[in-house]
Amino acid sequence: MANVKLSQRELDLVTNTDFILTKNNIITKVFDLFGDLSEFEIKTANNFLDNEIKMISPKISKGENYEGLPWVMLDYPRYFTAKDVFAIRSYFWWGNYFSVTLHLKGKFKERFQAASFKSQERRDWFLCCNEDEWQHHFRKDNYKLMSEFSEEEIQQLSFIKLAKKIPLHRWNDAEIFLKESFETMLELLQKK
């Protein structure tokens, strides 16, 4: 028979509605932040994006279990097929960080291959080193600092995921971080 008895800590939590209500309020604030961010991104990227991408509206999603923790993400621009991906993903992961990721695959990776993903000003940016393009954590088996890659290694990647993060204790800086990172990604793509 399963052990369904609660520890004192678990009992304290299950009888405390404030925790869940506060968590729900925080998730609502992330949705509001991402809603405002999507409006900014549409205006900022409008002249840059192809019509096939502009036609797809922003999407905000949430879940309760990325490695056991709640998350919220905004995808815009977003274009996903089995072979081709062009997306900028803003991501909130409970207990961890906000992040922004540029994801290029297939025809979009080829199109923007000439962009210099290795520029010196991007020392605090990370590049995905994992074969699984759907992982979001920043552990060493998924992301390494851009400075750890050579141009040749970058060319060999089957997809590009360029990312940057900000810890949650800098919550009040998140909006500026997300907007500036988005603009930087667009600038990088325009320098091809």
N, C-alpha and C. Protein backbone atom coordinates (compact mmCIF):
# COMPACT_ATOMS: atom_id res chain seq x y z
N MET A 1 0.84 -1.18 0.00
CA MET A 1 0.00 0.00 0.00
C MET A 1 0.88 1.25 0.00
N ALA A 2 0.47 2.27 -0.72
CA ALA A 2 1.24 3.51 -0.85
C ALA A 2 1.30 4.24 0.49
N ASN A 3 2.41 4.94 0.71
CA ASN A 3 2.57 5.75 1.92
C ASN A 3 1.90 7.09 1.68
N VAL A 4 0.72 7.27 2.26
CA VAL A 4 -0.03 8.51 2.06
C VAL A 4 0.00 9.42 3.28
N LYS A 5 0.78 9.06 4.28
CA LYS A 5 0.90 9.91 5.46
C LYS A 5 1.75 11.13 5.11
N LEU A 6 1.41 12.26 5.69
CA LEU A 6 2.13 13.51 5.43
C LEU A 6 3.11 13.81 6.56
N SER A 7 4.25 14.35 6.16
CA SER A 7 5.19 14.85 7.17
C SER A 7 4.60 16.13 7.76
N GLN A 8 5.18 16.63 8.82
CA GLN A 8 4.68 17.86 9.42
C GLN A 8 4.79 19.02 8.42
N ARG A 9 5.88 19.07 7.68
CA ARG A 9 6.06 20.13 6.68
C ARG A 9 4.99 20.04 5.59
N GLU A 10 4.73 18.83 5.10
CA GLU A 10 3.69 18.64 4.09
C GLU A 10 2.31 19.01 4.64
N LEU A 11 2.04 18.65 5.89
CA LEU A 11 0.77 18.98 6.51
C LEU A 11 0.60 20.49 6.66
N ASP A 12 1.69 21.17 7.01
CA ASP A 12 1.65 22.63 7.12
C ASP A 12 1.32 23.26 5.76
N LEU A 13 1.91 22.73 4.70
CA LEU A 13 1.67 23.28 3.36
C LEU A 13 0.26 22.98 2.86
N VAL A 14 -0.22 21.75 3.06
CA VAL A 14 -1.52 21.38 2.52
C VAL A 14 -2.66 22.12 3.23
N THR A 15 -2.41 22.61 4.41
CA THR A 15 -3.44 23.37 5.13
C THR A 15 -3.29 24.88 4.98
N ASN A 16 -2.30 25.30 4.21
CA ASN A 16 -2.02 26.73 4.04
C ASN A 16 -2.44 27.16 2.63
N THR A 17 -3.57 27.79 2.52
CA THR A 17 -4.05 28.24 1.21
C THR A 17 -3.27 29.44 0.68
N ASP A 18 -2.64 30.20 1.57
CA ASP A 18 -1.88 31.38 1.14
C ASP A 18 -0.80 31.04 0.13
N PHE A 19 -0.14 29.91 0.33
CA PHE A 19 0.95 29.54 -0.58
C PHE A 19 0.44 29.38 -2.01
N ILE A 20 -0.62 28.60 -2.19
CA ILE A 20 -1.16 28.35 -3.54
C ILE A 20 -1.73 29.64 -4.13
N LEU A 21 -2.44 30.41 -3.32
CA LEU A 21 -3.00 31.67 -3.83
C LEU A 21 -1.89 32.63 -4.24
N THR A 22 -0.81 32.69 -3.47
CA THR A 22 0.32 33.54 -3.82
C THR A 22 1.00 33.04 -5.09
N LYS A 23 1.17 31.73 -5.21
CA LYS A 23 1.76 31.14 -6.43
C LYS A 23 0.91 31.50 -7.64
N ASN A 24 -0.41 31.35 -7.53
CA ASN A 24 -1.30 31.68 -8.64
C ASN A 24 -1.20 33.16 -9.01
N ASN A 25 -1.08 34.02 -8.01
CA ASN A 25 -0.93 35.46 -8.25
C ASN A 25 0.38 35.75 -9.00
N ILE A 26 1.45 35.07 -8.62
CA ILE A 26 2.74 35.25 -9.30
C ILE A 26 2.64 34.81 -10.76
N ILE A 27 2.02 33.66 -11.01
CA ILE A 27 1.86 33.17 -12.39
C ILE A 27 1.03 34.15 -13.20
N THR A 28 -0.01 34.73 -12.60
CA THR A 28 -0.82 35.74 -13.29
C THR A 28 0.04 36.95 -13.66
N LYS A 29 0.93 37.36 -12.77
CA LYS A 29 1.82 38.49 -13.05
C LYS A 29 2.78 38.15 -14.20
N VAL A 30 3.24 36.91 -14.27
CA VAL A 30 4.11 36.51 -15.39
C VAL A 30 3.31 36.56 -16.68
N PHE A 31 2.06 36.10 -16.67
CA PHE A 31 1.21 36.18 -17.86
C PHE A 31 1.03 37.64 -18.28
N ASP A 32 0.80 38.53 -17.32
CA ASP A 32 0.65 39.95 -17.64
C ASP A 32 1.94 40.51 -18.24
N LEU A 33 3.07 40.16 -17.65
CA LEU A 33 4.36 40.60 -18.17
C LEU A 33 4.56 40.11 -19.60
N PHE A 34 4.28 38.84 -19.84
CA PHE A 34 4.47 38.27 -21.18
C PHE A 34 3.45 38.83 -22.17
N GLY A 35 2.25 39.17 -21.71
CA GLY A 35 1.27 39.80 -22.59
C GLY A 35 1.76 41.16 -23.06
N ASP A 36 2.27 41.97 -22.12
CA ASP A 36 2.84 43.27 -22.48
C ASP A 36 4.07 43.09 -23.38
N LEU A 37 4.89 42.11 -23.06
CA LEU A 37 6.09 41.84 -23.85
C LEU A 37 5.72 41.45 -25.28
N SER A 38 4.67 40.67 -25.45
CA SER A 38 4.28 40.25 -26.81
C SER A 38 3.88 41.45 -27.66
N GLU A 39 3.22 42.44 -27.07
CA GLU A 39 2.86 43.66 -27.81
C GLU A 39 4.12 44.41 -28.23
N PHE A 40 5.08 44.52 -27.33
CA PHE A 40 6.36 45.15 -27.64
C PHE A 40 7.07 44.40 -28.77
N GLU A 41 7.08 43.07 -28.69
CA GLU A 41 7.79 42.27 -29.68
C GLU A 41 7.15 42.39 -31.06
N ILE A 42 5.84 42.42 -31.12
CA ILE A 42 5.16 42.57 -32.41
C ILE A 42 5.57 43.89 -33.06
N LYS A 43 5.56 44.98 -32.30
CA LYS A 43 5.95 46.29 -32.84
C LYS A 43 7.42 46.31 -33.25
N THR A 44 8.27 45.71 -32.42
CA THR A 44 9.71 45.75 -32.66
C THR A 44 10.11 44.90 -33.87
N ALA A 45 9.48 43.75 -34.02
CA ALA A 45 9.89 42.80 -35.07
C ALA A 45 9.11 42.94 -36.36
N ASN A 46 8.10 43.77 -36.38
CA ASN A 46 7.18 43.84 -37.53
C ASN A 46 7.90 44.05 -38.86
N ASN A 47 8.85 44.93 -38.93
CA ASN A 47 9.55 45.20 -40.20
C ASN A 47 10.57 44.13 -40.55
N PHE A 48 10.96 43.35 -39.59
CA PHE A 48 12.01 42.35 -39.80
C PHE A 48 11.46 41.01 -40.27
N LEU A 49 10.29 40.63 -39.81
CA LEU A 49 9.79 39.27 -40.03
C LEU A 49 9.18 39.07 -41.41
N ASP A 50 9.34 37.86 -41.94
CA ASP A 50 8.68 37.46 -43.17
C ASP A 50 7.19 37.32 -42.90
N ASN A 51 6.39 37.46 -43.94
CA ASN A 51 4.94 37.34 -43.78
C ASN A 51 4.50 35.99 -43.22
N GLU A 52 5.19 34.91 -43.62
CA GLU A 52 4.81 33.58 -43.13
C GLU A 52 4.96 33.49 -41.61
N ILE A 53 5.85 34.28 -41.04
CA ILE A 53 6.05 34.28 -39.59
C ILE A 53 5.15 35.32 -38.93
N LYS A 54 5.00 36.49 -39.54
CA LYS A 54 4.16 37.55 -38.97
C LYS A 54 2.71 37.11 -38.81
N MET A 55 2.26 36.21 -39.67
CA MET A 55 0.87 35.75 -39.62
C MET A 55 0.55 34.96 -38.36
N ILE A 56 1.57 34.42 -37.70
CA ILE A 56 1.37 33.58 -36.52
C ILE A 56 1.46 34.46 -35.27
N SER A 57 0.38 34.51 -34.54
CA SER A 57 0.33 35.40 -33.37
C SER A 57 1.14 34.82 -32.21
N PRO A 58 1.50 35.67 -31.25
CA PRO A 58 2.23 35.20 -30.07
C PRO A 58 1.42 34.16 -29.30
N LYS A 59 2.13 33.29 -28.61
CA LYS A 59 1.47 32.26 -27.81
C LYS A 59 2.11 32.21 -26.43
N ILE A 60 1.27 32.32 -25.41
CA ILE A 60 1.72 32.17 -24.02
C ILE A 60 1.18 30.84 -23.51
N SER A 61 2.08 30.02 -22.99
CA SER A 61 1.71 28.70 -22.46
C SER A 61 2.21 28.58 -21.04
N LYS A 62 1.62 27.64 -20.30
CA LYS A 62 2.12 27.39 -18.95
C LYS A 62 1.99 25.91 -18.65
N GLY A 63 2.76 25.51 -17.66
CA GLY A 63 2.70 24.13 -17.21
C GLY A 63 3.14 24.05 -15.75
N GLU A 64 2.98 22.89 -15.19
CA GLU A 64 3.30 22.70 -13.77
C GLU A 64 4.50 21.80 -13.54
N ASN A 65 5.08 21.25 -14.61
CA ASN A 65 6.05 20.20 -14.34
C ASN A 65 7.22 20.17 -15.32
N TYR A 66 7.99 21.24 -15.39
CA TYR A 66 9.30 21.11 -16.04
C TYR A 66 10.29 20.83 -14.92
N GLU A 67 10.76 19.61 -14.89
CA GLU A 67 11.59 19.12 -13.79
C GLU A 67 10.92 19.35 -12.44
N GLY A 68 9.59 19.17 -12.43
CA GLY A 68 8.82 19.26 -11.20
C GLY A 68 8.36 20.64 -10.80
N LEU A 69 8.68 21.65 -11.60
CA LEU A 69 8.38 23.04 -11.23
C LEU A 69 7.52 23.73 -12.27
N PRO A 70 6.69 24.69 -11.85
CA PRO A 70 5.85 25.46 -12.79
C PRO A 70 6.69 26.32 -13.73
N TRP A 71 6.12 26.58 -14.91
CA TRP A 71 6.78 27.40 -15.92
C TRP A 71 5.73 28.15 -16.73
N VAL A 72 6.18 29.24 -17.36
CA VAL A 72 5.36 30.00 -18.30
C VAL A 72 6.29 30.39 -19.45
N MET A 73 5.79 30.32 -20.69
CA MET A 73 6.62 30.75 -21.81
C MET A 73 5.80 31.53 -22.83
N LEU A 74 6.49 32.45 -23.47
CA LEU A 74 5.95 33.23 -24.57
C LEU A 74 6.79 32.91 -25.79
N ASP A 75 6.14 32.48 -26.86
CA ASP A 75 6.82 32.26 -28.13
C ASP A 75 6.37 33.33 -29.11
N TYR A 76 7.29 34.21 -29.49
CA TYR A 76 7.06 35.17 -30.57
C TYR A 76 8.40 35.79 -30.96
N PRO A 77 8.70 35.83 -32.20
CA PRO A 77 8.01 35.17 -33.30
C PRO A 77 8.08 33.66 -33.12
N ARG A 78 7.19 32.97 -33.79
CA ARG A 78 7.18 31.51 -33.65
C ARG A 78 6.77 30.85 -34.97
N TYR A 79 7.58 29.95 -35.39
CA TYR A 79 7.33 29.17 -36.60
C TYR A 79 7.95 27.80 -36.35
N PHE A 80 7.12 26.78 -36.18
CA PHE A 80 7.61 25.45 -35.86
C PHE A 80 7.06 24.43 -36.85
N THR A 81 7.96 23.72 -37.52
CA THR A 81 7.59 22.53 -38.28
C THR A 81 8.59 21.46 -37.88
N ALA A 82 8.43 20.26 -38.39
CA ALA A 82 9.35 19.18 -38.06
C ALA A 82 10.78 19.51 -38.51
N LYS A 83 10.91 20.24 -39.62
CA LYS A 83 12.24 20.54 -40.17
C LYS A 83 12.73 21.95 -39.88
N ASP A 84 11.83 22.90 -39.75
CA ASP A 84 12.21 24.31 -39.66
C ASP A 84 11.66 24.96 -38.39
N VAL A 85 12.54 25.71 -37.72
CA VAL A 85 12.13 26.44 -36.52
C VAL A 85 12.73 27.84 -36.57
N PHE A 86 11.89 28.82 -36.30
CA PHE A 86 12.34 30.20 -36.06
C PHE A 86 11.51 30.69 -34.88
N ALA A 87 12.13 30.86 -33.74
CA ALA A 87 11.37 31.27 -32.56
C ALA A 87 12.26 32.06 -31.61
N ILE A 88 11.63 32.99 -30.94
CA ILE A 88 12.24 33.63 -29.78
C ILE A 88 11.32 33.31 -28.62
N ARG A 89 11.87 32.63 -27.65
CA ARG A 89 11.09 32.15 -26.50
C ARG A 89 11.53 32.88 -25.24
N SER A 90 10.56 33.52 -24.59
CA SER A 90 10.77 34.09 -23.26
C SER A 90 10.20 33.07 -22.29
N TYR A 91 10.96 32.79 -21.24
CA TYR A 91 10.64 31.66 -20.38
C TYR A 91 10.79 32.04 -18.91
N PHE A 92 9.81 31.67 -18.12
CA PHE A 92 9.86 31.81 -16.67
C PHE A 92 9.84 30.41 -16.09
N TRP A 93 10.80 30.11 -15.22
CA TRP A 93 10.86 28.81 -14.58
C TRP A 93 10.93 29.02 -13.08
N TRP A 94 9.88 28.62 -12.40
CA TRP A 94 9.74 28.81 -10.95
C TRP A 94 11.00 28.37 -10.22
N GLY A 95 11.47 29.23 -9.33
CA GLY A 95 12.63 28.89 -8.52
C GLY A 95 13.96 29.05 -9.22
N ASN A 96 13.96 29.44 -10.50
CA ASN A 96 15.20 29.46 -11.27
C ASN A 96 15.47 30.81 -11.93
N TYR A 97 14.76 31.15 -13.00
CA TYR A 97 15.14 32.32 -13.78
C TYR A 97 14.07 32.70 -14.79
N PHE A 98 14.30 33.88 -15.40
CA PHE A 98 13.69 34.24 -16.68
C PHE A 98 14.78 34.01 -17.71
N SER A 99 14.40 33.58 -18.91
CA SER A 99 15.38 33.44 -19.98
C SER A 99 14.77 33.85 -21.30
N VAL A 100 15.64 34.13 -22.26
CA VAL A 100 15.24 34.41 -23.64
C VAL A 100 16.10 33.52 -24.52
N THR A 101 15.45 32.87 -25.49
CA THR A 101 16.16 31.94 -26.36
C THR A 101 15.79 32.20 -27.82
N LEU A 102 16.79 32.31 -28.65
CA LEU A 102 16.62 32.33 -30.10
C LEU A 102 16.85 30.91 -30.59
N HIS A 103 15.86 30.35 -31.28
CA HIS A 103 15.92 28.96 -31.74
C HIS A 103 15.80 28.95 -33.26
N LEU A 104 16.83 28.47 -33.92
CA LEU A 104 16.87 28.40 -35.39
C LEU A 104 17.19 26.99 -35.83
N LYS A 105 16.43 26.50 -36.81
CA LYS A 105 16.66 25.15 -37.32
C LYS A 105 16.23 25.12 -38.78
N GLY A 106 16.83 24.22 -39.53
CA GLY A 106 16.45 24.02 -40.93
C GLY A 106 16.74 25.24 -41.79
N LYS A 107 15.73 25.66 -42.57
CA LYS A 107 15.95 26.77 -43.50
C LYS A 107 16.32 28.06 -42.78
N PHE A 108 15.87 28.24 -41.54
CA PHE A 108 16.19 29.46 -40.81
C PHE A 108 17.62 29.43 -40.28
N LYS A 109 18.09 28.27 -39.90
CA LYS A 109 19.50 28.15 -39.51
C LYS A 109 20.39 28.44 -40.71
N GLU A 110 20.01 27.90 -41.86
CA GLU A 110 20.78 28.16 -43.08
C GLU A 110 20.75 29.64 -43.46
N ARG A 111 19.58 30.23 -43.38
CA ARG A 111 19.43 31.63 -43.75
C ARG A 111 20.27 32.56 -42.89
N PHE A 112 20.31 32.28 -41.60
CA PHE A 112 21.01 33.16 -40.67
C PHE A 112 22.38 32.63 -40.26
N GLN A 113 22.87 31.61 -40.96
CA GLN A 113 24.16 31.01 -40.63
C GLN A 113 25.28 32.04 -40.66
N ALA A 114 25.15 33.04 -41.50
CA ALA A 114 26.20 34.05 -41.62
C ALA A 114 26.22 35.03 -40.45
N ALA A 115 25.18 35.02 -39.64
CA ALA A 115 25.16 35.91 -38.47
C ALA A 115 26.31 35.51 -37.56
N SER A 116 26.97 36.47 -37.00
CA SER A 116 28.10 36.17 -36.13
C SER A 116 27.61 35.90 -34.72
N PHE A 117 27.36 34.65 -34.44
CA PHE A 117 26.90 34.27 -33.11
C PHE A 117 28.05 34.29 -32.10
N LYS A 118 29.23 34.58 -32.56
CA LYS A 118 30.41 34.50 -31.71
C LYS A 118 30.95 35.88 -31.32
N SER A 119 30.21 36.93 -31.56
CA SER A 119 30.76 38.27 -31.31
C SER A 119 31.12 38.48 -29.84
N GLN A 120 32.15 39.27 -29.62
CA GLN A 120 32.70 39.49 -28.28
C GLN A 120 31.70 40.07 -27.30
N GLU A 121 30.78 40.89 -27.79
CA GLU A 121 29.85 41.54 -26.88
C GLU A 121 28.85 40.57 -26.27
N ARG A 122 28.87 39.34 -26.69
CA ARG A 122 27.91 38.37 -26.19
C ARG A 122 28.54 37.37 -25.22
N ARG A 123 29.45 37.82 -24.39
CA ARG A 123 30.14 36.94 -23.46
C ARG A 123 29.21 36.30 -22.43
N ASP A 124 28.10 36.94 -22.13
CA ASP A 124 27.17 36.40 -21.14
C ASP A 124 26.03 35.61 -21.78
N TRP A 125 26.18 35.29 -23.06
CA TRP A 125 25.18 34.48 -23.77
C TRP A 125 25.62 33.02 -23.78
N PHE A 126 24.64 32.14 -23.83
CA PHE A 126 24.88 30.71 -23.84
C PHE A 126 24.42 30.12 -25.17
N LEU A 127 25.03 29.00 -25.54
CA LEU A 127 24.66 28.28 -26.75
C LEU A 127 24.37 26.83 -26.37
N CYS A 128 23.32 26.28 -26.92
CA CYS A 128 22.93 24.91 -26.60
C CYS A 128 23.96 23.92 -27.16
N CYS A 129 24.35 22.99 -26.33
CA CYS A 129 25.30 21.95 -26.73
C CYS A 129 24.65 20.57 -26.71
N ASN A 130 23.37 20.52 -26.43
CA ASN A 130 22.63 19.27 -26.31
C ASN A 130 22.02 18.90 -27.66
N GLU A 131 21.83 17.62 -27.90
CA GLU A 131 21.16 17.17 -29.12
C GLU A 131 19.64 17.30 -28.99
N ASP A 132 19.14 17.40 -27.77
CA ASP A 132 17.70 17.56 -27.52
C ASP A 132 17.39 19.05 -27.49
N GLU A 133 16.76 19.54 -28.53
CA GLU A 133 16.52 20.98 -28.63
C GLU A 133 15.38 21.47 -27.76
N TRP A 134 14.71 20.59 -27.04
CA TRP A 134 13.54 20.99 -26.25
C TRP A 134 13.83 21.05 -24.75
N GLN A 135 15.08 21.06 -24.38
CA GLN A 135 15.47 21.25 -22.98
C GLN A 135 15.72 22.73 -22.74
N HIS A 136 15.35 23.20 -21.54
CA HIS A 136 15.46 24.63 -21.23
C HIS A 136 16.43 24.95 -20.10
N HIS A 137 16.88 23.97 -19.36
CA HIS A 137 17.76 24.24 -18.22
C HIS A 137 19.13 24.70 -18.69
N PHE A 138 19.88 25.33 -17.80
CA PHE A 138 21.19 25.88 -18.15
C PHE A 138 22.34 25.08 -17.54
N ARG A 139 22.13 23.80 -17.25
CA ARG A 139 23.24 22.99 -16.76
C ARG A 139 24.23 22.74 -17.91
N LYS A 140 25.44 22.37 -17.55
CA LYS A 140 26.54 22.22 -18.52
C LYS A 140 26.26 21.22 -19.64
N ASP A 141 25.34 20.27 -19.40
CA ASP A 141 25.04 19.30 -20.46
C ASP A 141 24.02 19.83 -21.46
N ASN A 142 23.53 21.06 -21.25
CA ASN A 142 22.56 21.64 -22.17
C ASN A 142 23.04 22.96 -22.76
N TYR A 143 23.65 23.80 -21.95
CA TYR A 143 24.15 25.09 -22.43
C TYR A 143 25.57 25.30 -21.95
N LYS A 144 26.37 25.90 -22.83
CA LYS A 144 27.71 26.36 -22.46
C LYS A 144 27.81 27.82 -22.87
N LEU A 145 28.71 28.53 -22.20
CA LEU A 145 28.94 29.91 -22.59
C LEU A 145 29.37 29.98 -24.05
N MET A 146 28.92 31.00 -24.73
CA MET A 146 29.27 31.19 -26.13
C MET A 146 30.78 31.18 -26.33
N SER A 147 31.50 31.73 -25.38
CA SER A 147 32.96 31.82 -25.51
C SER A 147 33.63 30.45 -25.55
N GLU A 148 32.93 29.41 -25.17
CA GLU A 148 33.49 28.06 -25.17
C GLU A 148 33.37 27.37 -26.53
N PHE A 149 32.74 28.03 -27.49
CA PHE A 149 32.54 27.48 -28.83
C PHE A 149 33.44 28.18 -29.83
N SER A 150 33.94 27.43 -30.80
CA SER A 150 34.63 28.03 -31.94
C SER A 150 33.59 28.26 -33.04
N GLU A 151 33.93 29.11 -34.00
CA GLU A 151 33.02 29.33 -35.15
C GLU A 151 32.74 28.00 -35.86
N GLU A 152 33.76 27.15 -35.98
CA GLU A 152 33.59 25.86 -36.65
C GLU A 152 32.59 24.98 -35.91
N GLU A 153 32.67 24.96 -34.57
CA GLU A 153 31.73 24.17 -33.78
C GLU A 153 30.30 24.68 -33.96
N ILE A 154 30.16 25.98 -34.02
CA ILE A 154 28.83 26.57 -34.20
C ILE A 154 28.26 26.16 -35.56
N GLN A 155 29.10 26.19 -36.59
CA GLN A 155 28.65 25.81 -37.94
C GLN A 155 28.18 24.35 -37.97
N GLN A 156 28.75 23.50 -37.13
CA GLN A 156 28.43 22.07 -37.13
C GLN A 156 27.12 21.73 -36.41
N LEU A 157 26.60 22.64 -35.62
CA LEU A 157 25.39 22.37 -34.85
C LEU A 157 24.20 22.12 -35.78
N SER A 158 23.33 21.18 -35.41
CA SER A 158 22.15 20.88 -36.23
C SER A 158 21.05 21.92 -36.02
N PHE A 159 21.12 22.67 -34.95
CA PHE A 159 20.22 23.79 -34.68
C PHE A 159 20.97 24.79 -33.81
N ILE A 160 20.49 26.00 -33.79
CA ILE A 160 21.07 27.06 -32.95
C ILE A 160 20.05 27.41 -31.87
N LYS A 161 20.50 27.38 -30.63
CA LYS A 161 19.71 27.92 -29.52
C LYS A 161 20.64 28.83 -28.73
N LEU A 162 20.46 30.11 -28.95
CA LEU A 162 21.24 31.14 -28.27
C LEU A 162 20.37 31.66 -27.13
N ALA A 163 20.91 31.69 -25.92
CA ALA A 163 20.06 32.02 -24.77
C ALA A 163 20.79 32.87 -23.74
N LYS A 164 19.98 33.55 -22.96
CA LYS A 164 20.47 34.39 -21.88
C LYS A 164 19.46 34.29 -20.74
N LYS A 165 19.94 34.41 -19.50
CA LYS A 165 19.02 34.28 -18.37
C LYS A 165 19.29 35.36 -17.33
N ILE A 166 18.30 35.55 -16.48
CA ILE A 166 18.39 36.48 -15.36
C ILE A 166 17.76 35.78 -14.16
N PRO A 167 18.42 35.78 -13.00
CA PRO A 167 17.85 35.09 -11.84
C PRO A 167 16.59 35.78 -11.33
N LEU A 168 15.74 35.03 -10.68
CA LEU A 168 14.45 35.56 -10.23
C LEU A 168 14.59 36.61 -9.13
N HIS A 169 15.69 36.61 -8.40
CA HIS A 169 15.83 37.67 -7.39
C HIS A 169 16.00 39.05 -8.04
N ARG A 170 16.18 39.07 -9.35
CA ARG A 170 16.22 40.34 -10.11
C ARG A 170 14.89 40.56 -10.84
N TRP A 171 13.81 40.13 -10.24
CA TRP A 171 12.47 40.21 -10.82
C TRP A 171 12.17 41.60 -11.39
N ASN A 172 12.51 42.64 -10.65
CA ASN A 172 12.18 44.01 -11.09
C ASN A 172 12.94 44.43 -12.34
N ASP A 173 13.99 43.71 -12.69
CA ASP A 173 14.76 43.99 -13.91
C ASP A 173 14.29 43.13 -15.09
N ALA A 174 13.38 42.21 -14.86
CA ALA A 174 13.01 41.22 -15.87
C ALA A 174 12.46 41.84 -17.15
N GLU A 175 11.58 42.82 -17.03
CA GLU A 175 10.97 43.40 -18.23
C GLU A 175 12.04 44.03 -19.12
N ILE A 176 12.92 44.81 -18.54
CA ILE A 176 13.99 45.44 -19.33
C ILE A 176 14.91 44.37 -19.92
N PHE A 177 15.27 43.38 -19.12
CA PHE A 177 16.11 42.28 -19.59
C PHE A 177 15.49 41.59 -20.80
N LEU A 178 14.20 41.26 -20.70
CA LEU A 178 13.53 40.55 -21.79
C LEU A 178 13.45 41.39 -23.06
N LYS A 179 13.12 42.67 -22.92
CA LYS A 179 13.03 43.55 -24.09
C LYS A 179 14.40 43.76 -24.73
N GLU A 180 15.40 44.07 -23.92
CA GLU A 180 16.75 44.31 -24.48
C GLU A 180 17.30 43.05 -25.13
N SER A 181 17.08 41.91 -24.54
CA SER A 181 17.57 40.65 -25.12
C SER A 181 16.88 40.37 -26.45
N PHE A 182 15.59 40.62 -26.52
CA PHE A 182 14.83 40.45 -27.76
C PHE A 182 15.41 41.35 -28.86
N GLU A 183 15.62 42.62 -28.53
CA GLU A 183 16.18 43.56 -29.52
C GLU A 183 17.57 43.12 -29.96
N THR A 184 18.39 42.65 -29.03
CA THR A 184 19.73 42.19 -29.36
C THR A 184 19.68 41.02 -30.33
N MET A 185 18.75 40.10 -30.11
CA MET A 185 18.63 38.95 -31.02
C MET A 185 18.24 39.40 -32.43
N LEU A 186 17.31 40.32 -32.53
CA LEU A 186 16.93 40.83 -33.86
C LEU A 186 18.09 41.54 -34.53
N GLU A 187 18.82 42.34 -33.77
CA GLU A 187 20.00 43.03 -34.33
C GLU A 187 21.02 42.04 -34.84
N LEU A 188 21.26 41.01 -34.08
CA LEU A 188 22.21 39.97 -34.46
C LEU A 188 21.80 39.31 -35.78
N LEU A 189 20.53 39.01 -35.93
CA LEU A 189 20.05 38.38 -37.15
C LEU A 189 20.12 39.30 -38.35
N GLN A 190 19.99 40.60 -38.12
CA GLN A 190 20.05 41.58 -39.22
C GLN A 190 21.47 41.83 -39.69
N LYS A 191 22.47 41.41 -38.92
CA LYS A 191 23.88 41.65 -39.29
C LYS A 191 24.45 40.53 -40.13
N LYS A 192 23.63 39.68 -40.66
CA LYS A 192 24.14 38.53 -41.43
C LYS A 192 24.87 38.96 -42.68
